[in-house]
Amino acid sequence: MELILKYFPNLTEDQILKFKKLESLYQDWNLKINVVSRKDIDELYMRHVLHSLGIAKVINFKDGAKLLDVGTGGGFPGIPLAILFPECSFHLVDSIAKKLKVVDEVVAGLGLTNVKTTHSRVEEIKGNFDFIISRAVAAMPTFVHWVKGKIAKEQNHALKNGILYLKGGDLSEELKDYRTTTIYNLTDFFEEDFYETKKVVHLPMKFKG
């Protein structure tokens, strides 16, 4: 928890309380339904929570923003970002029902009212979103194909509407066909070794009416 406050010192009391509760909620539910590895549970704030919040170092979501978290798994990056941006709405989607069971229980345990979950393939999700967020669920070309036609028309942020993707390693081959991407190295924001190769990739996408 100290790690979160180190990089996000201006949290409200309510946000601090919610971030603190994350660990016990995940430890409890992970014993029943394994969605996070043992090592990752022991380093939950480093490997999952702060990593998810890397997106918030790149963009400050405005109140009313709509976000779609694709392949959310155990609720990352959606749940930490939903705590940080309580006036934004987050739609968390995964094709594996047992993972969403944990997500639903964590959301309920935290009393989050700005999170909706759907057990579905992302292609079947209706609606438009300011940003589509995710943590490395597929190579970018595959991911772009999945989320086509889901970007909102109206632009309300400094960054253009599109994809915000948490990825690691060398992305030159994967992104060679996407000339409009911007890559943000998380080492510019976080000093821990874990973030040495971690990045946020922003790919603007046009509204398809």
N, C-alpha and C. Protein backbone atom coordinates (compact mmCIF):
# COMPACT_ATOMS: atom_id res chain seq x y z
N MET A 1 0.83 -1.20 0.00
CA MET A 1 0.00 0.00 0.00
C MET A 1 0.87 1.26 0.00
N GLU A 2 2.03 1.19 0.68
CA GLU A 2 2.96 2.33 0.68
C GLU A 2 3.38 2.66 -0.75
N LEU A 3 3.46 1.61 -1.56
CA LEU A 3 3.86 1.78 -2.97
C LEU A 3 2.86 2.65 -3.72
N ILE A 4 1.59 2.46 -3.45
CA ILE A 4 0.55 3.23 -4.13
C ILE A 4 0.63 4.69 -3.68
N LEU A 5 0.77 4.91 -2.38
CA LEU A 5 0.84 6.27 -1.84
C LEU A 5 2.12 7.00 -2.29
N LYS A 6 3.16 6.23 -2.54
CA LYS A 6 4.42 6.82 -3.01
C LYS A 6 4.21 7.56 -4.33
N TYR A 7 3.41 6.95 -5.21
CA TYR A 7 3.22 7.53 -6.54
C TYR A 7 1.88 8.25 -6.72
N PHE A 8 0.97 8.02 -5.80
CA PHE A 8 -0.33 8.69 -5.84
C PHE A 8 -0.64 9.24 -4.43
N PRO A 9 0.08 10.32 -4.05
CA PRO A 9 -0.02 10.83 -2.68
C PRO A 9 -1.30 11.59 -2.38
N ASN A 10 -2.08 11.92 -3.40
CA ASN A 10 -3.26 12.77 -3.18
C ASN A 10 -4.57 12.00 -3.13
N LEU A 11 -4.52 10.74 -2.75
CA LEU A 11 -5.74 9.94 -2.68
C LEU A 11 -6.64 10.42 -1.55
N THR A 12 -7.95 10.26 -1.73
CA THR A 12 -8.89 10.56 -0.65
C THR A 12 -8.86 9.42 0.37
N GLU A 13 -9.44 9.69 1.53
CA GLU A 13 -9.51 8.65 2.57
C GLU A 13 -10.26 7.42 2.05
N ASP A 14 -11.32 7.66 1.29
CA ASP A 14 -12.11 6.56 0.74
C ASP A 14 -11.29 5.73 -0.24
N GLN A 15 -10.52 6.40 -1.08
CA GLN A 15 -9.67 5.67 -2.04
C GLN A 15 -8.60 4.86 -1.32
N ILE A 16 -8.00 5.45 -0.30
CA ILE A 16 -6.97 4.73 0.47
C ILE A 16 -7.57 3.48 1.10
N LEU A 17 -8.76 3.62 1.67
CA LEU A 17 -9.45 2.49 2.29
C LEU A 17 -9.71 1.38 1.27
N LYS A 18 -10.18 1.77 0.09
CA LYS A 18 -10.48 0.78 -0.96
C LYS A 18 -9.20 0.08 -1.44
N PHE A 19 -8.15 0.84 -1.66
CA PHE A 19 -6.88 0.21 -2.09
C PHE A 19 -6.36 -0.74 -1.01
N LYS A 20 -6.51 -0.36 0.25
CA LYS A 20 -6.06 -1.24 1.35
C LYS A 20 -6.85 -2.54 1.38
N LYS A 21 -8.15 -2.44 1.10
CA LYS A 21 -9.01 -3.63 1.16
C LYS A 21 -8.73 -4.62 0.04
N LEU A 22 -8.12 -4.14 -1.04
CA LEU A 22 -7.87 -5.02 -2.19
C LEU A 22 -7.13 -6.29 -1.81
N GLU A 23 -6.08 -6.14 -1.00
CA GLU A 23 -5.23 -7.30 -0.69
C GLU A 23 -6.02 -8.42 -0.01
N SER A 24 -6.76 -8.09 1.06
CA SER A 24 -7.48 -9.14 1.78
C SER A 24 -8.59 -9.75 0.91
N LEU A 25 -9.23 -8.92 0.10
CA LEU A 25 -10.28 -9.44 -0.80
C LEU A 25 -9.70 -10.43 -1.80
N TYR A 26 -8.58 -10.06 -2.42
CA TYR A 26 -7.96 -10.97 -3.40
C TYR A 26 -7.39 -12.22 -2.74
N GLN A 27 -6.78 -12.06 -1.58
CA GLN A 27 -6.25 -13.24 -0.89
C GLN A 27 -7.36 -14.22 -0.55
N ASP A 28 -8.47 -13.69 -0.07
CA ASP A 28 -9.60 -14.52 0.31
C ASP A 28 -10.20 -15.23 -0.89
N TRP A 29 -10.51 -14.47 -1.95
CA TRP A 29 -11.16 -15.07 -3.10
C TRP A 29 -10.23 -15.93 -3.94
N ASN A 30 -8.95 -15.63 -3.91
CA ASN A 30 -7.99 -16.41 -4.69
C ASN A 30 -7.83 -17.82 -4.13
N LEU A 31 -8.09 -17.99 -2.83
CA LEU A 31 -8.05 -19.32 -2.23
C LEU A 31 -9.21 -20.18 -2.75
N LYS A 32 -10.32 -19.53 -3.06
CA LYS A 32 -11.51 -20.25 -3.53
C LYS A 32 -11.47 -20.47 -5.04
N ILE A 33 -11.08 -19.42 -5.75
CA ILE A 33 -11.01 -19.48 -7.22
C ILE A 33 -9.68 -18.86 -7.63
N ASN A 34 -8.76 -19.67 -8.09
CA ASN A 34 -7.41 -19.19 -8.37
C ASN A 34 -7.37 -18.36 -9.66
N VAL A 35 -7.20 -17.05 -9.52
CA VAL A 35 -7.08 -16.20 -10.72
C VAL A 35 -5.74 -15.47 -10.76
N VAL A 36 -5.05 -15.43 -9.63
CA VAL A 36 -3.76 -14.76 -9.55
C VAL A 36 -2.76 -15.74 -8.95
N SER A 37 -1.55 -15.81 -9.53
CA SER A 37 -0.56 -16.77 -9.02
C SER A 37 -0.15 -16.42 -7.59
N ARG A 38 0.38 -17.42 -6.89
CA ARG A 38 0.80 -17.24 -5.49
C ARG A 38 1.80 -16.08 -5.36
N LYS A 39 2.79 -16.07 -6.25
CA LYS A 39 3.82 -15.03 -6.21
C LYS A 39 3.19 -13.65 -6.44
N ASP A 40 2.24 -13.60 -7.37
CA ASP A 40 1.61 -12.32 -7.69
C ASP A 40 0.72 -11.83 -6.55
N ILE A 41 0.10 -12.75 -5.83
CA ILE A 41 -0.71 -12.36 -4.67
C ILE A 41 0.20 -11.73 -3.61
N ASP A 42 1.40 -12.32 -3.42
CA ASP A 42 2.34 -11.79 -2.44
C ASP A 42 2.85 -10.40 -2.83
N GLU A 43 2.84 -10.11 -4.13
CA GLU A 43 3.30 -8.80 -4.61
C GLU A 43 2.17 -8.11 -5.39
N LEU A 44 0.97 -8.19 -4.83
CA LEU A 44 -0.22 -7.70 -5.53
C LEU A 44 -0.11 -6.23 -5.94
N TYR A 45 0.38 -5.40 -5.01
CA TYR A 45 0.42 -3.95 -5.28
C TYR A 45 1.45 -3.62 -6.36
N MET A 46 2.58 -4.31 -6.35
CA MET A 46 3.62 -4.07 -7.36
C MET A 46 3.21 -4.61 -8.73
N ARG A 47 2.79 -5.87 -8.77
CA ARG A 47 2.60 -6.55 -10.05
C ARG A 47 1.24 -6.31 -10.70
N HIS A 48 0.28 -5.90 -9.92
CA HIS A 48 -1.06 -5.73 -10.47
C HIS A 48 -1.64 -4.33 -10.27
N VAL A 49 -1.64 -3.87 -9.03
CA VAL A 49 -2.33 -2.61 -8.73
C VAL A 49 -1.58 -1.42 -9.32
N LEU A 50 -0.31 -1.26 -8.94
CA LEU A 50 0.45 -0.12 -9.46
C LEU A 50 0.65 -0.24 -10.98
N HIS A 51 0.86 -1.45 -11.44
CA HIS A 51 0.99 -1.67 -12.89
C HIS A 51 -0.25 -1.15 -13.63
N SER A 52 -1.41 -1.49 -13.11
CA SER A 52 -2.67 -1.00 -13.71
C SER A 52 -2.73 0.52 -13.70
N LEU A 53 -2.26 1.10 -12.60
CA LEU A 53 -2.31 2.56 -12.44
C LEU A 53 -1.29 3.28 -13.32
N GLY A 54 -0.42 2.52 -13.97
CA GLY A 54 0.51 3.12 -14.93
C GLY A 54 -0.25 3.91 -16.00
N ILE A 55 -1.44 3.43 -16.34
CA ILE A 55 -2.27 4.13 -17.34
C ILE A 55 -2.61 5.54 -16.84
N ALA A 56 -2.80 5.67 -15.53
CA ALA A 56 -3.16 6.98 -14.95
C ALA A 56 -1.99 7.96 -14.95
N LYS A 57 -0.78 7.46 -15.18
CA LYS A 57 0.37 8.35 -15.31
C LYS A 57 0.45 8.94 -16.73
N VAL A 58 -0.27 8.31 -17.63
CA VAL A 58 -0.27 8.74 -19.03
C VAL A 58 -1.46 9.64 -19.34
N ILE A 59 -2.57 9.39 -18.66
CA ILE A 59 -3.80 10.14 -18.92
C ILE A 59 -4.61 10.30 -17.63
N ASN A 60 -5.23 11.46 -17.50
CA ASN A 60 -6.13 11.71 -16.38
C ASN A 60 -7.56 11.66 -16.95
N PHE A 61 -8.24 10.55 -16.71
CA PHE A 61 -9.59 10.40 -17.27
C PHE A 61 -10.53 11.45 -16.70
N LYS A 62 -11.30 12.07 -17.56
CA LYS A 62 -12.25 13.09 -17.12
C LYS A 62 -13.53 12.44 -16.62
N ASP A 63 -14.21 13.14 -15.72
CA ASP A 63 -15.48 12.64 -15.20
C ASP A 63 -16.42 12.32 -16.37
N GLY A 64 -17.08 11.18 -16.27
CA GLY A 64 -18.01 10.77 -17.32
C GLY A 64 -17.39 9.92 -18.40
N ALA A 65 -16.07 9.75 -18.37
CA ALA A 65 -15.40 8.92 -19.38
C ALA A 65 -15.90 7.47 -19.28
N LYS A 66 -16.02 6.83 -20.45
CA LYS A 66 -16.46 5.43 -20.51
C LYS A 66 -15.28 4.58 -20.96
N LEU A 67 -15.00 3.54 -20.19
CA LEU A 67 -13.85 2.69 -20.48
C LEU A 67 -14.25 1.22 -20.52
N LEU A 68 -13.67 0.52 -21.49
CA LEU A 68 -13.91 -0.91 -21.66
C LEU A 68 -12.60 -1.65 -21.36
N ASP A 69 -12.63 -2.53 -20.36
CA ASP A 69 -11.46 -3.33 -19.99
C ASP A 69 -11.64 -4.72 -20.60
N VAL A 70 -10.81 -5.02 -21.59
CA VAL A 70 -10.95 -6.27 -22.36
C VAL A 70 -10.03 -7.35 -21.79
N GLY A 71 -10.60 -8.53 -21.51
CA GLY A 71 -9.81 -9.62 -20.94
C GLY A 71 -9.32 -9.23 -19.56
N THR A 72 -10.23 -8.76 -18.74
CA THR A 72 -9.87 -8.17 -17.44
C THR A 72 -9.25 -9.18 -16.47
N GLY A 73 -9.47 -10.48 -16.70
CA GLY A 73 -8.89 -11.49 -15.80
C GLY A 73 -9.40 -11.32 -14.39
N GLY A 74 -8.49 -11.03 -13.46
CA GLY A 74 -8.88 -10.81 -12.07
C GLY A 74 -9.35 -9.40 -11.78
N GLY A 75 -9.50 -8.58 -12.83
CA GLY A 75 -9.99 -7.21 -12.63
C GLY A 75 -8.95 -6.13 -12.87
N PHE A 76 -7.93 -6.48 -13.66
CA PHE A 76 -6.85 -5.52 -13.92
C PHE A 76 -6.75 -5.23 -15.42
N PRO A 77 -6.62 -3.97 -15.80
CA PRO A 77 -6.40 -2.78 -14.97
C PRO A 77 -7.67 -2.10 -14.44
N GLY A 78 -8.85 -2.66 -14.74
CA GLY A 78 -10.11 -1.96 -14.48
C GLY A 78 -10.38 -1.57 -13.04
N ILE A 79 -10.21 -2.50 -12.09
CA ILE A 79 -10.59 -2.20 -10.70
C ILE A 79 -9.72 -1.10 -10.08
N PRO A 80 -8.38 -1.17 -10.17
CA PRO A 80 -7.59 -0.07 -9.60
C PRO A 80 -7.92 1.28 -10.23
N LEU A 81 -8.16 1.29 -11.54
CA LEU A 81 -8.50 2.55 -12.21
C LEU A 81 -9.89 3.04 -11.80
N ALA A 82 -10.80 2.11 -11.55
CA ALA A 82 -12.15 2.50 -11.10
C ALA A 82 -12.11 3.14 -9.71
N ILE A 83 -11.18 2.68 -8.87
CA ILE A 83 -11.02 3.30 -7.55
C ILE A 83 -10.46 4.72 -7.73
N LEU A 84 -9.50 4.85 -8.62
CA LEU A 84 -8.83 6.14 -8.83
C LEU A 84 -9.75 7.16 -9.51
N PHE A 85 -10.62 6.67 -10.39
CA PHE A 85 -11.51 7.56 -11.15
C PHE A 85 -12.97 7.20 -10.88
N PRO A 86 -13.48 7.56 -9.70
CA PRO A 86 -14.83 7.13 -9.30
C PRO A 86 -15.95 7.73 -10.15
N GLU A 87 -15.68 8.81 -10.88
CA GLU A 87 -16.72 9.44 -11.70
C GLU A 87 -16.69 8.94 -13.15
N CYS A 88 -15.88 7.95 -13.42
CA CYS A 88 -15.83 7.33 -14.76
C CYS A 88 -16.50 5.96 -14.68
N SER A 89 -17.02 5.48 -15.82
CA SER A 89 -17.68 4.16 -15.81
C SER A 89 -16.79 3.13 -16.52
N PHE A 90 -16.67 1.99 -15.87
CA PHE A 90 -15.79 0.92 -16.35
C PHE A 90 -16.61 -0.34 -16.65
N HIS A 91 -16.44 -0.86 -17.84
CA HIS A 91 -17.10 -2.10 -18.25
C HIS A 91 -16.01 -3.16 -18.41
N LEU A 92 -16.01 -4.13 -17.49
CA LEU A 92 -14.98 -5.17 -17.47
C LEU A 92 -15.51 -6.44 -18.13
N VAL A 93 -14.78 -6.92 -19.12
CA VAL A 93 -15.24 -8.06 -19.93
C VAL A 93 -14.20 -9.17 -19.91
N ASP A 94 -14.67 -10.41 -19.75
CA ASP A 94 -13.78 -11.56 -19.88
C ASP A 94 -14.60 -12.75 -20.37
N SER A 95 -13.95 -13.63 -21.11
CA SER A 95 -14.66 -14.80 -21.64
C SER A 95 -14.64 -15.97 -20.67
N ILE A 96 -13.93 -15.80 -19.53
CA ILE A 96 -13.83 -16.88 -18.54
C ILE A 96 -14.67 -16.51 -17.31
N ALA A 97 -15.75 -17.23 -17.10
CA ALA A 97 -16.74 -16.88 -16.07
C ALA A 97 -16.16 -16.89 -14.65
N LYS A 98 -15.29 -17.85 -14.33
CA LYS A 98 -14.80 -17.95 -12.95
C LYS A 98 -13.96 -16.73 -12.57
N LYS A 99 -13.29 -16.14 -13.55
CA LYS A 99 -12.51 -14.93 -13.26
C LYS A 99 -13.44 -13.78 -12.89
N LEU A 100 -14.54 -13.67 -13.64
CA LEU A 100 -15.49 -12.58 -13.36
C LEU A 100 -16.21 -12.78 -12.03
N LYS A 101 -16.31 -14.02 -11.58
CA LYS A 101 -16.89 -14.29 -10.26
C LYS A 101 -16.06 -13.58 -9.19
N VAL A 102 -14.75 -13.70 -9.30
CA VAL A 102 -13.85 -13.03 -8.36
C VAL A 102 -13.96 -11.52 -8.50
N VAL A 103 -13.97 -11.05 -9.74
CA VAL A 103 -14.10 -9.60 -9.99
C VAL A 103 -15.38 -9.06 -9.36
N ASP A 104 -16.48 -9.77 -9.56
CA ASP A 104 -17.77 -9.32 -9.00
C ASP A 104 -17.72 -9.25 -7.48
N GLU A 105 -17.07 -10.23 -6.86
CA GLU A 105 -16.99 -10.26 -5.40
C GLU A 105 -16.10 -9.14 -4.88
N VAL A 106 -15.01 -8.86 -5.59
CA VAL A 106 -14.11 -7.77 -5.18
C VAL A 106 -14.83 -6.43 -5.34
N VAL A 107 -15.53 -6.25 -6.46
CA VAL A 107 -16.29 -5.02 -6.71
C VAL A 107 -17.33 -4.81 -5.61
N ALA A 108 -18.03 -5.89 -5.24
CA ALA A 108 -19.05 -5.81 -4.17
C ALA A 108 -18.39 -5.51 -2.83
N GLY A 109 -17.27 -6.17 -2.56
CA GLY A 109 -16.56 -5.96 -1.30
C GLY A 109 -16.06 -4.53 -1.13
N LEU A 110 -15.72 -3.90 -2.25
CA LEU A 110 -15.24 -2.51 -2.21
C LEU A 110 -16.38 -1.50 -2.28
N GLY A 111 -17.56 -1.98 -2.66
CA GLY A 111 -18.69 -1.06 -2.83
C GLY A 111 -18.54 -0.15 -4.03
N LEU A 112 -17.88 -0.65 -5.07
CA LEU A 112 -17.71 0.17 -6.29
C LEU A 112 -19.01 0.21 -7.07
N THR A 113 -19.45 1.41 -7.39
CA THR A 113 -20.71 1.57 -8.14
C THR A 113 -20.48 1.95 -9.59
N ASN A 114 -19.21 2.09 -9.97
CA ASN A 114 -18.90 2.53 -11.34
C ASN A 114 -18.32 1.42 -12.20
N VAL A 115 -18.54 0.16 -11.77
CA VAL A 115 -18.02 -0.99 -12.50
C VAL A 115 -19.14 -1.94 -12.89
N LYS A 116 -19.14 -2.33 -14.16
CA LYS A 116 -20.08 -3.32 -14.69
C LYS A 116 -19.25 -4.45 -15.27
N THR A 117 -19.69 -5.70 -15.12
CA THR A 117 -18.96 -6.82 -15.70
C THR A 117 -19.85 -7.61 -16.67
N THR A 118 -19.22 -8.17 -17.68
CA THR A 118 -19.94 -9.01 -18.64
C THR A 118 -19.09 -10.22 -18.99
N HIS A 119 -19.69 -11.40 -18.89
CA HIS A 119 -19.05 -12.64 -19.34
C HIS A 119 -19.35 -12.80 -20.82
N SER A 120 -18.36 -12.50 -21.64
CA SER A 120 -18.61 -12.46 -23.08
C SER A 120 -17.28 -12.32 -23.82
N ARG A 121 -17.32 -12.62 -25.11
CA ARG A 121 -16.22 -12.22 -25.99
C ARG A 121 -16.42 -10.75 -26.30
N VAL A 122 -15.34 -10.02 -26.42
CA VAL A 122 -15.45 -8.57 -26.59
C VAL A 122 -16.18 -8.19 -27.88
N GLU A 123 -16.07 -9.03 -28.90
CA GLU A 123 -16.73 -8.72 -30.18
C GLU A 123 -18.24 -8.57 -30.01
N GLU A 124 -18.79 -9.20 -28.98
CA GLU A 124 -20.25 -9.18 -28.78
C GLU A 124 -20.72 -8.00 -27.92
N ILE A 125 -19.78 -7.22 -27.41
CA ILE A 125 -20.14 -6.08 -26.56
C ILE A 125 -20.63 -4.92 -27.43
N LYS A 126 -21.76 -4.37 -27.04
CA LYS A 126 -22.32 -3.22 -27.78
C LYS A 126 -21.94 -1.92 -27.08
N GLY A 127 -21.91 -0.85 -27.85
CA GLY A 127 -21.65 0.47 -27.28
C GLY A 127 -20.32 1.05 -27.72
N ASN A 128 -20.12 2.32 -27.38
CA ASN A 128 -18.89 3.03 -27.72
C ASN A 128 -18.21 3.54 -26.46
N PHE A 129 -16.90 3.59 -26.51
CA PHE A 129 -16.11 3.93 -25.33
C PHE A 129 -15.03 4.94 -25.70
N ASP A 130 -14.70 5.79 -24.72
CA ASP A 130 -13.61 6.75 -24.94
C ASP A 130 -12.29 6.01 -25.12
N PHE A 131 -12.07 5.04 -24.25
CA PHE A 131 -10.82 4.27 -24.32
C PHE A 131 -11.09 2.80 -24.04
N ILE A 132 -10.31 1.98 -24.71
CA ILE A 132 -10.33 0.54 -24.46
C ILE A 132 -9.00 0.21 -23.79
N ILE A 133 -9.08 -0.34 -22.58
CA ILE A 133 -7.89 -0.61 -21.79
C ILE A 133 -7.70 -2.12 -21.65
N SER A 134 -6.43 -2.52 -21.50
CA SER A 134 -6.18 -3.96 -21.36
C SER A 134 -4.73 -4.20 -20.94
N ARG A 135 -4.49 -5.42 -20.46
CA ARG A 135 -3.13 -5.84 -20.13
C ARG A 135 -2.74 -7.03 -20.98
N ALA A 136 -2.13 -6.76 -22.11
CA ALA A 136 -1.45 -7.78 -22.91
C ALA A 136 -2.23 -9.09 -23.10
N VAL A 137 -3.47 -8.98 -23.56
CA VAL A 137 -4.25 -10.20 -23.77
C VAL A 137 -4.03 -10.81 -25.15
N ALA A 138 -3.48 -10.02 -26.08
CA ALA A 138 -3.22 -10.50 -27.44
C ALA A 138 -2.26 -9.55 -28.12
N ALA A 139 -1.69 -9.98 -29.24
CA ALA A 139 -0.86 -9.08 -30.04
C ALA A 139 -1.74 -7.95 -30.56
N MET A 140 -1.16 -6.78 -30.75
CA MET A 140 -1.95 -5.60 -31.12
C MET A 140 -2.82 -5.80 -32.37
N PRO A 141 -2.35 -6.42 -33.45
CA PRO A 141 -3.23 -6.58 -34.61
C PRO A 141 -4.50 -7.36 -34.28
N THR A 142 -4.38 -8.40 -33.47
CA THR A 142 -5.54 -9.20 -33.05
C THR A 142 -6.46 -8.36 -32.18
N PHE A 143 -5.86 -7.62 -31.27
CA PHE A 143 -6.64 -6.80 -30.35
C PHE A 143 -7.42 -5.72 -31.10
N VAL A 144 -6.76 -5.07 -32.04
CA VAL A 144 -7.42 -4.02 -32.85
C VAL A 144 -8.62 -4.60 -33.58
N HIS A 145 -8.45 -5.80 -34.11
CA HIS A 145 -9.55 -6.47 -34.82
C HIS A 145 -10.74 -6.71 -33.88
N TRP A 146 -10.44 -7.12 -32.66
CA TRP A 146 -11.51 -7.41 -31.68
C TRP A 146 -12.34 -6.17 -31.35
N VAL A 147 -11.69 -5.03 -31.25
CA VAL A 147 -12.36 -3.84 -30.68
C VAL A 147 -12.79 -2.81 -31.72
N LYS A 148 -12.65 -3.15 -32.99
CA LYS A 148 -13.06 -2.22 -34.04
C LYS A 148 -14.53 -1.83 -33.88
N GLY A 149 -14.80 -0.54 -34.11
CA GLY A 149 -16.18 -0.06 -34.05
C GLY A 149 -16.70 0.22 -32.65
N LYS A 150 -15.79 0.23 -31.66
CA LYS A 150 -16.25 0.45 -30.28
C LYS A 150 -15.73 1.77 -29.70
N ILE A 151 -15.19 2.62 -30.55
CA ILE A 151 -14.63 3.89 -30.08
C ILE A 151 -15.64 5.02 -30.23
N ALA A 152 -15.79 5.82 -29.18
CA ALA A 152 -16.74 6.94 -29.19
C ALA A 152 -16.25 8.05 -30.14
N LYS A 153 -17.19 8.78 -30.69
CA LYS A 153 -16.88 9.84 -31.65
C LYS A 153 -16.34 11.09 -30.97
N GLU A 154 -17.00 11.50 -29.89
CA GLU A 154 -16.65 12.76 -29.23
C GLU A 154 -15.34 12.64 -28.45
N GLN A 155 -14.42 13.57 -28.71
CA GLN A 155 -13.11 13.57 -28.05
C GLN A 155 -13.14 14.52 -26.85
N ASN A 156 -12.82 14.01 -25.68
CA ASN A 156 -12.85 14.84 -24.47
C ASN A 156 -11.52 14.91 -23.72
N HIS A 157 -10.51 14.23 -24.24
CA HIS A 157 -9.24 14.13 -23.53
C HIS A 157 -8.08 14.67 -24.38
N ALA A 158 -6.98 14.94 -23.73
CA ALA A 158 -5.77 15.40 -24.44
C ALA A 158 -5.27 14.30 -25.39
N LEU A 159 -5.38 13.06 -24.96
CA LEU A 159 -5.05 11.94 -25.85
C LEU A 159 -6.29 11.59 -26.67
N LYS A 160 -6.08 11.25 -27.92
CA LYS A 160 -7.21 10.88 -28.77
C LYS A 160 -7.81 9.55 -28.31
N ASN A 161 -9.11 9.42 -28.48
CA ASN A 161 -9.80 8.18 -28.13
C ASN A 161 -9.11 6.99 -28.81
N GLY A 162 -9.11 5.87 -28.12
CA GLY A 162 -8.48 4.69 -28.71
C GLY A 162 -8.11 3.66 -27.66
N ILE A 163 -7.02 2.96 -27.91
CA ILE A 163 -6.56 1.86 -27.05
C ILE A 163 -5.45 2.34 -26.13
N LEU A 164 -5.52 1.94 -24.87
CA LEU A 164 -4.43 2.12 -23.91
C LEU A 164 -4.06 0.73 -23.41
N TYR A 165 -2.88 0.27 -23.81
CA TYR A 165 -2.51 -1.13 -23.65
C TYR A 165 -1.26 -1.26 -22.80
N LEU A 166 -1.33 -2.06 -21.73
CA LEU A 166 -0.16 -2.34 -20.91
C LEU A 166 0.58 -3.54 -21.50
N LYS A 167 1.80 -3.30 -21.96
CA LYS A 167 2.58 -4.36 -22.61
C LYS A 167 4.02 -4.32 -22.10
N GLY A 168 4.75 -5.40 -22.37
CA GLY A 168 6.16 -5.45 -21.98
C GLY A 168 7.03 -5.92 -23.13
N GLY A 169 8.33 -5.69 -23.00
CA GLY A 169 9.29 -6.20 -23.97
C GLY A 169 9.41 -5.35 -25.22
N ASP A 170 10.01 -5.95 -26.26
CA ASP A 170 10.25 -5.26 -27.52
C ASP A 170 8.99 -5.32 -28.38
N LEU A 171 8.42 -4.17 -28.68
CA LEU A 171 7.15 -4.12 -29.40
C LEU A 171 7.30 -3.69 -30.86
N SER A 172 8.55 -3.54 -31.31
CA SER A 172 8.78 -2.97 -32.64
C SER A 172 8.11 -3.78 -33.76
N GLU A 173 8.20 -5.10 -33.69
CA GLU A 173 7.60 -5.94 -34.72
C GLU A 173 6.07 -5.88 -34.66
N GLU A 174 5.55 -5.99 -33.45
CA GLU A 174 4.11 -6.02 -33.24
C GLU A 174 3.43 -4.71 -33.66
N LEU A 175 4.15 -3.60 -33.49
CA LEU A 175 3.54 -2.29 -33.74
C LEU A 175 3.98 -1.65 -35.06
N LYS A 176 4.71 -2.42 -35.87
CA LYS A 176 5.30 -1.82 -37.08
C LYS A 176 4.26 -1.26 -38.06
N ASP A 177 3.06 -1.80 -38.04
CA ASP A 177 2.01 -1.32 -38.95
C ASP A 177 1.17 -0.19 -38.35
N TYR A 178 1.48 0.20 -37.13
CA TYR A 178 0.69 1.24 -36.46
C TYR A 178 1.57 2.47 -36.22
N ARG A 179 1.51 3.38 -37.17
CA ARG A 179 2.43 4.53 -37.13
C ARG A 179 1.99 5.62 -36.17
N THR A 180 0.76 5.53 -35.69
CA THR A 180 0.25 6.59 -34.81
C THR A 180 0.39 6.24 -33.32
N THR A 181 1.02 5.11 -33.02
CA THR A 181 1.15 4.72 -31.61
C THR A 181 2.16 5.61 -30.88
N THR A 182 1.91 5.81 -29.61
CA THR A 182 2.88 6.43 -28.71
C THR A 182 3.17 5.43 -27.60
N ILE A 183 4.45 5.22 -27.33
CA ILE A 183 4.85 4.27 -26.28
C ILE A 183 5.40 5.04 -25.08
N TYR A 184 4.83 4.79 -23.93
CA TYR A 184 5.27 5.42 -22.69
C TYR A 184 5.95 4.35 -21.83
N ASN A 185 7.20 4.57 -21.48
CA ASN A 185 7.92 3.62 -20.62
C ASN A 185 7.54 3.86 -19.16
N LEU A 186 7.13 2.80 -18.49
CA LEU A 186 6.73 2.97 -17.09
C LEU A 186 7.91 3.30 -16.17
N THR A 187 9.14 3.08 -16.66
CA THR A 187 10.32 3.48 -15.87
C THR A 187 10.41 5.00 -15.76
N ASP A 188 9.69 5.72 -16.62
CA ASP A 188 9.66 7.19 -16.50
C ASP A 188 8.82 7.63 -15.30
N PHE A 189 8.00 6.72 -14.80
CA PHE A 189 7.09 7.06 -13.70
C PHE A 189 7.38 6.28 -12.42
N PHE A 190 7.82 5.02 -12.57
CA PHE A 190 8.04 4.14 -11.42
C PHE A 190 9.50 3.67 -11.41
N GLU A 191 10.12 3.67 -10.24
CA GLU A 191 11.56 3.34 -10.19
C GLU A 191 11.85 1.86 -9.90
N GLU A 192 10.84 1.08 -9.56
CA GLU A 192 11.07 -0.33 -9.21
C GLU A 192 11.51 -1.14 -10.44
N ASP A 193 12.39 -2.12 -10.20
CA ASP A 193 12.95 -2.94 -11.29
C ASP A 193 11.87 -3.67 -12.09
N PHE A 194 10.79 -4.01 -11.43
CA PHE A 194 9.70 -4.74 -12.11
C PHE A 194 9.23 -4.03 -13.37
N TYR A 195 9.35 -2.70 -13.39
CA TYR A 195 8.82 -1.92 -14.52
C TYR A 195 9.83 -1.67 -15.63
N GLU A 196 10.99 -2.31 -15.52
CA GLU A 196 12.09 -2.07 -16.46
C GLU A 196 11.67 -2.19 -17.93
N THR A 197 10.86 -3.19 -18.24
CA THR A 197 10.46 -3.41 -19.64
C THR A 197 8.98 -3.11 -19.89
N LYS A 198 8.30 -2.58 -18.87
CA LYS A 198 6.85 -2.39 -18.97
C LYS A 198 6.51 -1.04 -19.62
N LYS A 199 5.45 -1.06 -20.42
CA LYS A 199 5.07 0.13 -21.18
C LYS A 199 3.56 0.31 -21.22
N VAL A 200 3.14 1.54 -21.51
CA VAL A 200 1.75 1.81 -21.90
C VAL A 200 1.79 2.22 -23.36
N VAL A 201 1.00 1.54 -24.17
CA VAL A 201 0.93 1.87 -25.59
C VAL A 201 -0.40 2.56 -25.86
N HIS A 202 -0.34 3.73 -26.46
CA HIS A 202 -1.56 4.45 -26.86
C HIS A 202 -1.69 4.37 -28.37
N LEU A 203 -2.82 3.81 -28.81
CA LEU A 203 -3.11 3.75 -30.25
C LEU A 203 -4.44 4.47 -30.50
N PRO A 204 -4.40 5.66 -31.12
CA PRO A 204 -5.65 6.36 -31.43
C PRO A 204 -6.45 5.53 -32.44
N MET A 205 -7.77 5.52 -32.28
CA MET A 205 -8.63 4.83 -33.24
C MET A 205 -9.81 5.74 -33.61
N LYS A 206 -10.19 5.69 -34.86
CA LYS A 206 -11.28 6.54 -35.33
C LYS A 206 -12.64 5.91 -35.04
N PHE A 207 -13.60 6.80 -34.83
CA PHE A 207 -14.99 6.38 -34.68
C PHE A 207 -15.49 5.82 -36.02
N LYS A 208 -16.15 4.67 -35.95
CA LYS A 208 -16.73 4.09 -37.17
C LYS A 208 -18.25 4.11 -37.01
N GLY A 209 -18.90 5.07 -37.67
CA GLY A 209 -20.34 5.21 -37.52
C GLY A 209 -21.12 4.33 -38.47
